[in-house]
Amino acid sequence: MCTALLPFFLVLGGHGDEARRVAAGSVAAAEATGIPLSVCEALFAKGRAFAESDPSVALAAYERCIA
């Protein structure tokens, strides 16, 4: 679960580029656990990582998170 939120905390720390680089891996790792909360957190974090640079990617992650 901790790695699921890594992109979120990277963005908060001012490391948006790194957050975007690790976001897909965080989602994949969360999906591999099969834990729905971890997947949702990873998708939320991915959304936050892309919110300013690519809103369409962010929106898709947010929408998948609430689906």
Protein backbone atom coordinates (compact mmCIF):
# COMPACT_ATOMS: atom_id res chain seq x y z
CA MET A 1 0.00 0.00 0.00
CA CYS A 2 2.86 2.41 0.71
CA THR A 3 4.22 2.22 -2.82
CA ALA A 4 0.72 2.90 -4.13
CA LEU A 5 0.95 6.43 -2.74
CA LEU A 6 4.53 7.09 -3.81
CA PRO A 7 3.58 9.27 -6.81
CA PHE A 8 1.28 11.36 -4.61
CA PHE A 9 3.99 12.11 -2.08
CA LEU A 10 6.56 12.75 -4.80
CA VAL A 11 4.27 15.44 -6.23
CA LEU A 12 3.82 16.95 -2.79
CA GLY A 13 7.59 17.07 -2.46
CA GLY A 14 7.99 18.87 -5.76
CA HIS A 15 9.17 15.87 -7.79
CA GLY A 16 6.42 15.74 -10.42
CA ASP A 17 8.60 14.28 -13.16
CA GLU A 18 9.65 11.38 -10.97
CA ALA A 19 6.05 10.89 -9.84
CA ARG A 20 4.92 10.52 -13.43
CA ARG A 21 7.74 8.07 -14.16
CA VAL A 22 6.80 5.74 -11.30
CA ALA A 23 3.00 6.06 -11.50
CA ALA A 24 2.39 3.19 -13.93
CA GLY A 25 4.62 0.88 -11.91
CA SER A 26 2.78 1.79 -8.73
CA VAL A 27 -0.56 0.95 -10.32
CA ALA A 28 0.79 -2.34 -11.66
CA ALA A 29 2.23 -3.29 -8.27
CA ALA A 30 -1.07 -2.46 -6.57
CA GLU A 31 -3.02 -4.49 -9.13
CA ALA A 32 -0.72 -7.44 -8.52
CA THR A 33 -1.72 -7.47 -4.85
CA GLY A 34 -5.38 -7.88 -5.70
CA ILE A 35 -6.27 -5.46 -2.89
CA PRO A 36 -8.92 -3.01 -4.16
CA LEU A 37 -7.96 -0.23 -1.73
CA SER A 38 -4.34 -0.36 -2.86
CA VAL A 39 -5.43 -0.16 -6.51
CA CYS A 40 -7.67 2.81 -5.74
CA GLU A 41 -4.88 4.60 -3.88
CA ALA A 42 -2.42 3.98 -6.72
CA LEU A 43 -4.88 5.32 -9.28
CA PHE A 44 -5.56 8.39 -7.12
CA ALA A 45 -1.82 8.98 -6.82
CA LYS A 46 -1.40 8.59 -10.57
CA GLY A 47 -4.19 11.09 -11.13
CA ARG A 48 -2.47 13.58 -8.87
CA ALA A 49 0.86 13.02 -10.60
CA PHE A 50 -0.63 13.86 -14.00
CA ALA A 51 -3.19 16.48 -12.92
CA GLU A 52 -1.20 19.48 -14.12
CA SER A 53 0.83 18.00 -16.97
CA ASP A 54 -1.75 15.76 -18.66
CA PRO A 55 -5.30 16.23 -17.37
CA SER A 56 -6.75 13.53 -19.65
CA VAL A 57 -4.46 10.88 -18.09
CA ALA A 58 -5.32 12.19 -14.63
CA LEU A 59 -9.05 12.10 -15.33
CA ALA A 60 -8.86 8.55 -16.67
CA ALA A 61 -7.04 7.44 -13.50
CA TYR A 62 -9.57 9.21 -11.26
CA GLU A 63 -12.50 7.72 -13.16
CA ARG A 64 -11.05 4.23 -12.93
CA CYS A 65 -10.46 4.79 -9.21
CA ILE A 66 -14.14 5.47 -8.53
CA ALA A 67 -15.49 2.82 -10.89
